[in-house]
Amino acid sequence: MPSETVRVVYTKYDGSAHRDYPARRLNEDDLGIWVGVTRGTASVYHGRPSVEQIPFVLLIPRESWWTAMFNPPPRTSEVYCDITTPARWDGDTVHIIDLDLDVVRRRESGLVELRDEDEFEEHRVHFGYPDDVVVEAQAAAERLLVALGDGTEPFASTYRKWLSAVVD
């Protein structure tokens, strides 16, 4: 039986720390595993202690090259997708390698944008991303650019019930 608490560990391709935080397991469905983070959760960001100021829900899909963070106001990003390697589970800890590219949907305008292409290119060379990783990352970003804009679930409304479970 899985624990109610999941440890979410994001690293960069070279294994360096990126994000690390505990989350509450909310649900598991055909989309993946939904976890929630409440305001005040102690976390680590780029190796430094931090505290989450705004709650969020994270969808960790199975076998996909992305994760999706769903945010309430006042965050300006309603949906923030990190392009990643597929999640690797070790008990109640999920390990995710962040590949720098991000696809974001803005709350006010609904604008969907690809972000951090320059960082992706820099790290592709610096960390030596293999060609298959580059191809998968770029393909995932292209699919998400469409999905966040056309109302594909889980990006339309599915996430709202899980987000309401962590917003106080």
N, C-alpha and C. Protein backbone atom coordinates (compact mmCIF):
# COMPACT_ATOMS: atom_id res chain seq x y z
N MET A 1 0.85 -1.19 0.00
CA MET A 1 0.00 0.00 0.00
C MET A 1 0.89 1.25 0.00
N PRO A 2 0.71 2.14 -0.99
CA PRO A 2 1.53 3.34 -1.03
C PRO A 2 1.25 4.27 0.16
N SER A 3 2.27 4.99 0.54
CA SER A 3 2.16 5.97 1.62
C SER A 3 1.34 7.16 1.15
N GLU A 4 0.76 7.89 2.08
CA GLU A 4 0.04 9.11 1.75
C GLU A 4 1.02 10.21 1.35
N THR A 5 2.25 10.13 1.81
CA THR A 5 3.26 11.15 1.50
C THR A 5 4.21 10.64 0.42
N VAL A 6 4.47 11.50 -0.54
CA VAL A 6 5.39 11.23 -1.64
C VAL A 6 6.51 12.25 -1.55
N ARG A 7 7.73 11.80 -1.72
CA ARG A 7 8.84 12.74 -1.82
C ARG A 7 9.12 12.96 -3.30
N VAL A 8 9.08 14.22 -3.73
CA VAL A 8 9.30 14.58 -5.13
C VAL A 8 10.71 15.16 -5.24
N VAL A 9 11.55 14.50 -6.04
CA VAL A 9 12.94 14.93 -6.18
C VAL A 9 13.23 15.19 -7.67
N TYR A 10 13.44 16.46 -7.98
CA TYR A 10 13.87 16.86 -9.31
C TYR A 10 15.37 17.12 -9.26
N THR A 11 16.09 16.60 -10.25
CA THR A 11 17.50 16.93 -10.41
C THR A 11 17.71 17.43 -11.83
N LYS A 12 18.87 17.98 -12.07
CA LYS A 12 19.29 18.29 -13.43
C LYS A 12 19.94 17.03 -14.01
N TYR A 13 20.25 17.07 -15.30
CA TYR A 13 20.75 15.88 -15.98
C TYR A 13 22.04 15.34 -15.38
N ASP A 14 22.86 16.23 -14.80
CA ASP A 14 24.12 15.80 -14.19
C ASP A 14 23.94 15.30 -12.76
N GLY A 15 22.69 15.26 -12.28
CA GLY A 15 22.43 14.77 -10.93
C GLY A 15 22.40 15.86 -9.87
N SER A 16 22.70 17.10 -10.24
CA SER A 16 22.69 18.18 -9.25
C SER A 16 21.25 18.49 -8.81
N ALA A 17 21.15 18.96 -7.57
CA ALA A 17 19.84 19.23 -6.96
C ALA A 17 19.11 20.33 -7.71
N HIS A 18 17.81 20.15 -7.85
CA HIS A 18 16.96 21.19 -8.46
C HIS A 18 15.81 21.52 -7.50
N ARG A 19 14.88 20.59 -7.28
CA ARG A 19 13.79 20.78 -6.32
C ARG A 19 13.58 19.48 -5.55
N ASP A 20 13.13 19.62 -4.31
CA ASP A 20 12.92 18.46 -3.45
C ASP A 20 11.88 18.86 -2.42
N TYR A 21 10.75 18.14 -2.38
CA TYR A 21 9.70 18.50 -1.43
C TYR A 21 8.78 17.31 -1.17
N PRO A 22 8.15 17.31 0.00
CA PRO A 22 7.14 16.30 0.30
C PRO A 22 5.80 16.76 -0.29
N ALA A 23 5.00 15.81 -0.72
CA ALA A 23 3.67 16.11 -1.25
C ALA A 23 2.70 15.05 -0.76
N ARG A 24 1.44 15.39 -0.74
CA ARG A 24 0.41 14.44 -0.33
C ARG A 24 -0.17 13.77 -1.57
N ARG A 25 -0.19 12.44 -1.55
CA ARG A 25 -0.78 11.68 -2.65
C ARG A 25 -2.29 11.93 -2.63
N LEU A 26 -2.82 12.45 -3.74
CA LEU A 26 -4.24 12.78 -3.82
C LEU A 26 -5.03 11.73 -4.56
N ASN A 27 -4.47 11.21 -5.65
CA ASN A 27 -5.20 10.26 -6.48
C ASN A 27 -4.25 9.61 -7.47
N GLU A 28 -4.67 8.46 -7.94
CA GLU A 28 -3.97 7.81 -9.05
C GLU A 28 -5.05 7.41 -10.04
N ASP A 29 -4.89 7.83 -11.29
CA ASP A 29 -5.87 7.51 -12.32
C ASP A 29 -5.16 7.21 -13.63
N ASP A 30 -5.91 7.16 -14.71
CA ASP A 30 -5.31 6.84 -16.00
C ASP A 30 -4.35 7.93 -16.49
N LEU A 31 -4.40 9.11 -15.90
CA LEU A 31 -3.50 10.20 -16.29
C LEU A 31 -2.16 10.13 -15.57
N GLY A 32 -2.14 9.51 -14.39
CA GLY A 32 -0.92 9.41 -13.61
C GLY A 32 -1.21 9.54 -12.13
N ILE A 33 -0.24 10.03 -11.40
CA ILE A 33 -0.37 10.21 -9.96
C ILE A 33 -0.43 11.71 -9.67
N TRP A 34 -1.47 12.09 -8.95
CA TRP A 34 -1.71 13.48 -8.56
C TRP A 34 -1.22 13.66 -7.13
N VAL A 35 -0.37 14.66 -6.91
CA VAL A 35 0.08 14.98 -5.56
C VAL A 35 -0.15 16.46 -5.31
N GLY A 36 -0.35 16.80 -4.03
CA GLY A 36 -0.61 18.18 -3.68
C GLY A 36 0.39 18.70 -2.67
N VAL A 37 0.68 19.98 -2.79
CA VAL A 37 1.60 20.66 -1.88
C VAL A 37 0.86 21.87 -1.31
N THR A 38 0.80 21.95 0.01
CA THR A 38 0.10 23.05 0.67
C THR A 38 1.04 24.20 0.99
N ARG A 39 0.44 25.35 1.20
CA ARG A 39 1.21 26.53 1.62
C ARG A 39 1.93 26.19 2.92
N GLY A 40 3.18 26.63 3.04
CA GLY A 40 3.96 26.39 4.25
C GLY A 40 4.80 25.13 4.21
N THR A 41 4.70 24.36 3.13
CA THR A 41 5.49 23.13 3.00
C THR A 41 6.98 23.48 2.87
N ALA A 42 7.79 22.86 3.72
CA ALA A 42 9.24 23.05 3.63
C ALA A 42 9.74 22.32 2.38
N SER A 43 10.61 22.98 1.63
CA SER A 43 11.13 22.40 0.41
C SER A 43 12.59 22.82 0.22
N VAL A 44 13.19 22.30 -0.81
CA VAL A 44 14.55 22.69 -1.19
C VAL A 44 14.48 23.11 -2.65
N TYR A 45 15.05 24.26 -2.96
CA TYR A 45 15.05 24.78 -4.31
C TYR A 45 16.48 25.17 -4.67
N HIS A 46 17.03 24.52 -5.69
CA HIS A 46 18.43 24.72 -6.10
C HIS A 46 19.37 24.53 -4.91
N GLY A 47 19.09 23.53 -4.09
CA GLY A 47 19.97 23.20 -2.98
C GLY A 47 19.80 24.05 -1.74
N ARG A 48 18.86 25.00 -1.77
CA ARG A 48 18.66 25.89 -0.62
C ARG A 48 17.29 25.66 0.00
N PRO A 49 17.20 25.71 1.33
CA PRO A 49 15.91 25.56 1.99
C PRO A 49 14.94 26.65 1.55
N SER A 50 13.68 26.26 1.43
CA SER A 50 12.64 27.18 0.99
C SER A 50 11.33 26.77 1.65
N VAL A 51 10.34 27.61 1.55
CA VAL A 51 8.99 27.30 2.04
C VAL A 51 8.01 27.69 0.94
N GLU A 52 7.13 26.76 0.60
CA GLU A 52 6.15 27.03 -0.45
C GLU A 52 5.15 28.09 0.03
N GLN A 53 5.02 29.17 -0.72
CA GLN A 53 4.11 30.25 -0.37
C GLN A 53 2.73 30.09 -1.00
N ILE A 54 2.69 29.38 -2.12
CA ILE A 54 1.43 29.18 -2.85
C ILE A 54 1.27 27.67 -3.07
N PRO A 55 0.10 27.12 -2.71
CA PRO A 55 -0.11 25.68 -2.90
C PRO A 55 -0.17 25.33 -4.39
N PHE A 56 0.01 24.06 -4.70
CA PHE A 56 -0.10 23.60 -6.08
C PHE A 56 -0.36 22.11 -6.11
N VAL A 57 -0.76 21.65 -7.28
CA VAL A 57 -0.95 20.22 -7.54
C VAL A 57 0.00 19.84 -8.66
N LEU A 58 0.62 18.68 -8.52
CA LEU A 58 1.53 18.16 -9.53
C LEU A 58 0.97 16.86 -10.08
N LEU A 59 0.89 16.77 -11.40
CA LEU A 59 0.53 15.52 -12.06
C LEU A 59 1.82 14.89 -12.57
N ILE A 60 2.05 13.65 -12.12
CA ILE A 60 3.22 12.89 -12.55
C ILE A 60 2.71 11.77 -13.44
N PRO A 61 2.74 11.97 -14.77
CA PRO A 61 2.22 10.95 -15.67
C PRO A 61 3.15 9.75 -15.76
N ARG A 62 2.59 8.64 -16.19
CA ARG A 62 3.40 7.43 -16.40
C ARG A 62 4.05 7.51 -17.79
N GLU A 63 5.30 7.25 -17.86
CA GLU A 63 6.02 7.10 -19.14
C GLU A 63 6.00 8.34 -20.03
N SER A 64 5.67 9.49 -19.51
CA SER A 64 5.68 10.71 -20.32
C SER A 64 6.92 11.53 -20.01
N TRP A 65 7.27 12.40 -20.92
CA TRP A 65 8.46 13.24 -20.80
C TRP A 65 8.10 14.62 -20.26
N TRP A 66 7.22 14.68 -19.27
CA TRP A 66 6.81 15.94 -18.66
C TRP A 66 6.12 15.68 -17.33
N THR A 67 6.06 16.74 -16.52
CA THR A 67 5.19 16.81 -15.34
C THR A 67 4.42 18.11 -15.47
N ALA A 68 3.27 18.18 -14.81
CA ALA A 68 2.44 19.39 -14.91
C ALA A 68 2.10 19.90 -13.52
N MET A 69 2.38 21.17 -13.29
CA MET A 69 2.05 21.83 -12.04
C MET A 69 0.86 22.76 -12.30
N PHE A 70 -0.19 22.60 -11.50
CA PHE A 70 -1.41 23.40 -11.62
C PHE A 70 -1.47 24.35 -10.43
N ASN A 71 -1.64 25.62 -10.73
CA ASN A 71 -1.50 26.68 -9.72
C ASN A 71 -2.77 27.51 -9.56
N PRO A 72 -3.06 27.92 -8.33
CA PRO A 72 -4.15 28.86 -8.09
C PRO A 72 -3.63 30.30 -8.23
N PRO A 73 -4.55 31.27 -8.28
CA PRO A 73 -4.09 32.66 -8.17
C PRO A 73 -3.42 32.84 -6.80
N PRO A 74 -2.45 33.68 -6.62
CA PRO A 74 -2.06 34.75 -7.55
C PRO A 74 -0.97 34.37 -8.54
N ARG A 75 -0.58 33.09 -8.61
CA ARG A 75 0.44 32.73 -9.61
C ARG A 75 -0.06 33.11 -10.99
N THR A 76 0.82 33.68 -11.77
CA THR A 76 0.44 34.09 -13.13
C THR A 76 0.40 32.91 -14.09
N SER A 77 1.09 31.82 -13.74
CA SER A 77 1.01 30.61 -14.57
C SER A 77 -0.07 29.71 -14.00
N GLU A 78 -1.09 29.46 -14.81
CA GLU A 78 -2.17 28.55 -14.40
C GLU A 78 -1.67 27.11 -14.47
N VAL A 79 -0.94 26.80 -15.56
CA VAL A 79 -0.35 25.48 -15.76
C VAL A 79 1.11 25.67 -16.13
N TYR A 80 1.99 24.91 -15.46
CA TYR A 80 3.42 25.01 -15.72
C TYR A 80 3.94 23.59 -15.91
N CYS A 81 4.31 23.26 -17.14
CA CYS A 81 4.81 21.91 -17.44
C CYS A 81 6.32 21.94 -17.59
N ASP A 82 6.97 21.10 -16.81
CA ASP A 82 8.41 20.90 -16.96
C ASP A 82 8.61 19.74 -17.93
N ILE A 83 9.49 19.92 -18.89
CA ILE A 83 9.88 18.82 -19.76
C ILE A 83 10.94 18.05 -18.98
N THR A 84 10.71 16.76 -18.82
CA THR A 84 11.54 15.92 -17.96
C THR A 84 11.75 14.55 -18.61
N THR A 85 12.64 13.79 -18.03
CA THR A 85 12.67 12.38 -18.37
C THR A 85 11.46 11.73 -17.70
N PRO A 86 11.02 10.55 -18.14
CA PRO A 86 9.92 9.88 -17.44
C PRO A 86 10.27 9.66 -15.97
N ALA A 87 9.27 9.82 -15.13
CA ALA A 87 9.45 9.67 -13.68
C ALA A 87 9.90 8.25 -13.34
N ARG A 88 10.80 8.16 -12.36
CA ARG A 88 11.27 6.87 -11.86
C ARG A 88 10.91 6.79 -10.38
N TRP A 89 10.14 5.78 -10.04
CA TRP A 89 9.68 5.60 -8.66
C TRP A 89 10.59 4.65 -7.91
N ASP A 90 10.89 5.02 -6.67
CA ASP A 90 11.64 4.17 -5.75
C ASP A 90 10.85 4.21 -4.43
N GLY A 91 9.94 3.27 -4.27
CA GLY A 91 9.05 3.31 -3.11
C GLY A 91 8.15 4.52 -3.22
N ASP A 92 8.17 5.35 -2.18
CA ASP A 92 7.34 6.55 -2.16
C ASP A 92 8.11 7.81 -2.56
N THR A 93 9.25 7.62 -3.21
CA THR A 93 10.03 8.75 -3.73
C THR A 93 10.00 8.68 -5.25
N VAL A 94 9.71 9.82 -5.88
CA VAL A 94 9.73 9.89 -7.33
C VAL A 94 10.92 10.75 -7.74
N HIS A 95 11.72 10.21 -8.66
CA HIS A 95 12.90 10.90 -9.18
C HIS A 95 12.60 11.37 -10.60
N ILE A 96 12.84 12.66 -10.83
CA ILE A 96 12.52 13.28 -12.10
C ILE A 96 13.71 14.13 -12.52
N ILE A 97 14.14 13.98 -13.78
CA ILE A 97 15.25 14.78 -14.29
C ILE A 97 14.66 15.90 -15.14
N ASP A 98 14.88 17.14 -14.70
CA ASP A 98 14.39 18.32 -15.39
C ASP A 98 15.30 18.62 -16.58
N LEU A 99 14.70 18.74 -17.76
CA LEU A 99 15.46 18.98 -18.98
C LEU A 99 15.38 20.44 -19.45
N ASP A 100 14.95 21.32 -18.58
CA ASP A 100 15.03 22.76 -18.77
C ASP A 100 13.89 23.37 -19.57
N LEU A 101 13.42 22.73 -20.63
CA LEU A 101 12.31 23.29 -21.39
C LEU A 101 11.05 23.31 -20.54
N ASP A 102 10.24 24.35 -20.71
CA ASP A 102 8.98 24.47 -19.99
C ASP A 102 7.90 24.94 -20.95
N VAL A 103 6.68 24.45 -20.73
CA VAL A 103 5.53 24.93 -21.47
C VAL A 103 4.56 25.47 -20.43
N VAL A 104 4.15 26.73 -20.63
CA VAL A 104 3.38 27.45 -19.62
C VAL A 104 2.12 28.03 -20.24
N ARG A 105 1.01 27.93 -19.49
CA ARG A 105 -0.21 28.65 -19.88
C ARG A 105 -0.45 29.76 -18.87
N ARG A 106 -0.51 30.99 -19.34
CA ARG A 106 -0.72 32.16 -18.49
C ARG A 106 -2.19 32.26 -18.08
N ARG A 107 -2.41 32.64 -16.84
CA ARG A 107 -3.75 32.69 -16.28
C ARG A 107 -4.63 33.74 -16.97
N GLU A 108 -4.17 34.96 -17.03
CA GLU A 108 -5.02 36.06 -17.52
C GLU A 108 -5.29 35.98 -19.02
N SER A 109 -4.25 35.75 -19.79
CA SER A 109 -4.38 35.81 -21.26
C SER A 109 -4.68 34.46 -21.90
N GLY A 110 -4.38 33.37 -21.19
CA GLY A 110 -4.51 32.05 -21.80
C GLY A 110 -3.38 31.73 -22.76
N LEU A 111 -2.41 32.65 -22.86
CA LEU A 111 -1.27 32.46 -23.76
C LEU A 111 -0.49 31.22 -23.35
N VAL A 112 -0.15 30.39 -24.34
CA VAL A 112 0.67 29.20 -24.11
C VAL A 112 2.03 29.48 -24.74
N GLU A 113 3.08 29.29 -23.94
CA GLU A 113 4.41 29.62 -24.44
C GLU A 113 5.44 28.56 -24.07
N LEU A 114 6.42 28.42 -24.95
CA LEU A 114 7.59 27.58 -24.70
C LEU A 114 8.65 28.46 -24.08
N ARG A 115 9.20 28.00 -22.96
CA ARG A 115 10.19 28.81 -22.24
C ARG A 115 11.50 28.06 -22.09
N ASP A 116 12.56 28.82 -21.88
CA ASP A 116 13.90 28.32 -21.54
C ASP A 116 14.57 27.49 -22.63
N GLU A 117 14.27 27.82 -23.89
CA GLU A 117 14.94 27.14 -24.99
C GLU A 117 16.45 27.36 -24.96
N ASP A 118 16.86 28.56 -24.53
CA ASP A 118 18.29 28.86 -24.45
C ASP A 118 18.96 28.00 -23.38
N GLU A 119 18.32 27.83 -22.24
CA GLU A 119 18.87 26.98 -21.18
C GLU A 119 18.94 25.51 -21.63
N PHE A 120 17.91 25.06 -22.36
CA PHE A 120 17.91 23.70 -22.90
C PHE A 120 19.10 23.49 -23.83
N GLU A 121 19.35 24.43 -24.73
CA GLU A 121 20.47 24.32 -25.67
C GLU A 121 21.81 24.34 -24.93
N GLU A 122 21.92 25.24 -23.96
CA GLU A 122 23.16 25.33 -23.18
C GLU A 122 23.43 24.03 -22.43
N HIS A 123 22.41 23.49 -21.76
CA HIS A 123 22.59 22.25 -20.99
C HIS A 123 22.71 21.03 -21.89
N ARG A 124 22.08 21.07 -23.06
CA ARG A 124 22.21 19.97 -24.02
C ARG A 124 23.69 19.75 -24.34
N VAL A 125 24.40 20.84 -24.53
CA VAL A 125 25.83 20.76 -24.84
C VAL A 125 26.63 20.47 -23.56
N HIS A 126 26.39 21.25 -22.52
CA HIS A 126 27.15 21.14 -21.27
C HIS A 126 27.03 19.75 -20.62
N PHE A 127 25.80 19.23 -20.55
CA PHE A 127 25.58 17.93 -19.91
C PHE A 127 25.65 16.77 -20.90
N GLY A 128 25.69 17.09 -22.19
CA GLY A 128 25.79 16.04 -23.20
C GLY A 128 24.52 15.23 -23.35
N TYR A 129 23.37 15.90 -23.43
CA TYR A 129 22.12 15.16 -23.64
C TYR A 129 22.26 14.28 -24.87
N PRO A 130 21.96 13.00 -24.74
CA PRO A 130 21.97 12.13 -25.93
C PRO A 130 20.90 12.57 -26.94
N ASP A 131 21.10 12.23 -28.20
CA ASP A 131 20.17 12.63 -29.25
C ASP A 131 18.75 12.18 -28.97
N ASP A 132 18.56 10.96 -28.44
CA ASP A 132 17.21 10.48 -28.19
C ASP A 132 16.51 11.30 -27.10
N VAL A 133 17.27 11.79 -26.13
CA VAL A 133 16.70 12.63 -25.07
C VAL A 133 16.27 13.97 -25.68
N VAL A 134 17.08 14.53 -26.54
CA VAL A 134 16.74 15.80 -27.20
C VAL A 134 15.47 15.64 -28.02
N VAL A 135 15.38 14.58 -28.79
CA VAL A 135 14.21 14.33 -29.64
C VAL A 135 12.95 14.17 -28.78
N GLU A 136 13.04 13.37 -27.72
CA GLU A 136 11.87 13.15 -26.84
C GLU A 136 11.45 14.45 -26.15
N ALA A 137 12.41 15.24 -25.68
CA ALA A 137 12.10 16.50 -24.99
C ALA A 137 11.42 17.47 -25.94
N GLN A 138 11.94 17.63 -27.13
CA GLN A 138 11.35 18.55 -28.09
C GLN A 138 9.95 18.09 -28.53
N ALA A 139 9.78 16.79 -28.71
CA ALA A 139 8.47 16.26 -29.09
C ALA A 139 7.44 16.47 -27.98
N ALA A 140 7.86 16.26 -26.73
CA ALA A 140 6.96 16.48 -25.60
C ALA A 140 6.53 17.95 -25.53
N ALA A 141 7.47 18.85 -25.74
CA ALA A 141 7.16 20.28 -25.71
C ALA A 141 6.16 20.64 -26.81
N GLU A 142 6.35 20.09 -28.00
CA GLU A 142 5.43 20.37 -29.11
C GLU A 142 4.02 19.85 -28.80
N ARG A 143 3.92 18.66 -28.24
CA ARG A 143 2.60 18.10 -27.88
C ARG A 143 1.92 18.96 -26.82
N LEU A 144 2.69 19.41 -25.83
CA LEU A 144 2.12 20.21 -24.75
C LEU A 144 1.70 21.60 -25.25
N LEU A 145 2.42 22.18 -26.18
CA LEU A 145 2.02 23.47 -26.73
C LEU A 145 0.61 23.38 -27.32
N VAL A 146 0.30 22.27 -27.95
CA VAL A 146 -1.04 22.07 -28.51
C VAL A 146 -2.04 21.76 -27.40
N ALA A 147 -1.71 20.81 -26.53
CA ALA A 147 -2.65 20.35 -25.50
C ALA A 147 -3.06 21.45 -24.52
N LEU A 148 -2.13 22.32 -24.15
CA LEU A 148 -2.48 23.40 -23.21
C LEU A 148 -3.35 24.45 -23.88
N GLY A 149 -3.33 24.51 -25.19
CA GLY A 149 -4.12 25.51 -25.90
C GLY A 149 -5.47 25.04 -26.39
N ASP A 150 -5.65 23.73 -26.54
CA ASP A 150 -6.89 23.27 -27.18
C ASP A 150 -7.91 22.63 -26.24
N GLY A 151 -7.66 22.67 -24.94
CA GLY A 151 -8.64 22.12 -24.00
C GLY A 151 -8.51 20.64 -23.74
N THR A 152 -7.41 20.05 -24.17
CA THR A 152 -7.16 18.64 -23.88
C THR A 152 -7.03 18.45 -22.37
N GLU A 153 -7.64 17.39 -21.86
CA GLU A 153 -7.47 17.06 -20.45
C GLU A 153 -6.10 16.42 -20.27
N PRO A 154 -5.47 16.62 -19.16
CA PRO A 154 -6.00 17.16 -17.91
C PRO A 154 -5.88 18.67 -17.79
N PHE A 155 -5.58 19.34 -18.90
CA PHE A 155 -5.25 20.76 -18.83
C PHE A 155 -6.46 21.68 -18.88
N ALA A 156 -7.65 21.14 -19.13
CA ALA A 156 -8.85 21.97 -19.21
C ALA A 156 -9.48 22.18 -17.83
N SER A 157 -9.92 21.10 -17.20
CA SER A 157 -10.62 21.26 -15.92
C SER A 157 -10.40 20.13 -14.92
N THR A 158 -9.92 18.99 -15.35
CA THR A 158 -9.74 17.84 -14.47
C THR A 158 -8.95 18.20 -13.21
N TYR A 159 -7.93 19.02 -13.37
CA TYR A 159 -7.06 19.36 -12.26
C TYR A 159 -7.74 20.17 -11.16
N ARG A 160 -8.84 20.84 -11.49
CA ARG A 160 -9.46 21.76 -10.52
C ARG A 160 -9.91 21.08 -9.24
N LYS A 161 -10.43 19.85 -9.36
CA LYS A 161 -10.89 19.16 -8.13
C LYS A 161 -9.72 18.83 -7.23
N TRP A 162 -8.57 18.52 -7.82
CA TRP A 162 -7.39 18.20 -6.98
C TRP A 162 -6.78 19.48 -6.40
N LEU A 163 -6.80 20.55 -7.18
CA LEU A 163 -6.27 21.81 -6.69
C LEU A 163 -7.10 22.32 -5.50
N SER A 164 -8.41 22.11 -5.56
CA SER A 164 -9.26 22.57 -4.45
C SER A 164 -8.94 21.84 -3.16
N ALA A 165 -8.33 20.67 -3.26
CA ALA A 165 -7.98 19.89 -2.05
C ALA A 165 -6.77 20.47 -1.31
N VAL A 166 -5.99 21.33 -1.97
CA VAL A 166 -4.79 21.88 -1.31
C VAL A 166 -4.86 23.38 -1.08
N VAL A 167 -5.84 24.04 -1.66
CA VAL A 167 -5.98 25.49 -1.48
C VAL A 167 -6.75 25.74 -0.19
N ASP A 168 -6.17 26.60 0.67
CA ASP A 168 -6.88 26.88 1.92
C ASP A 168 -7.73 28.11 1.84
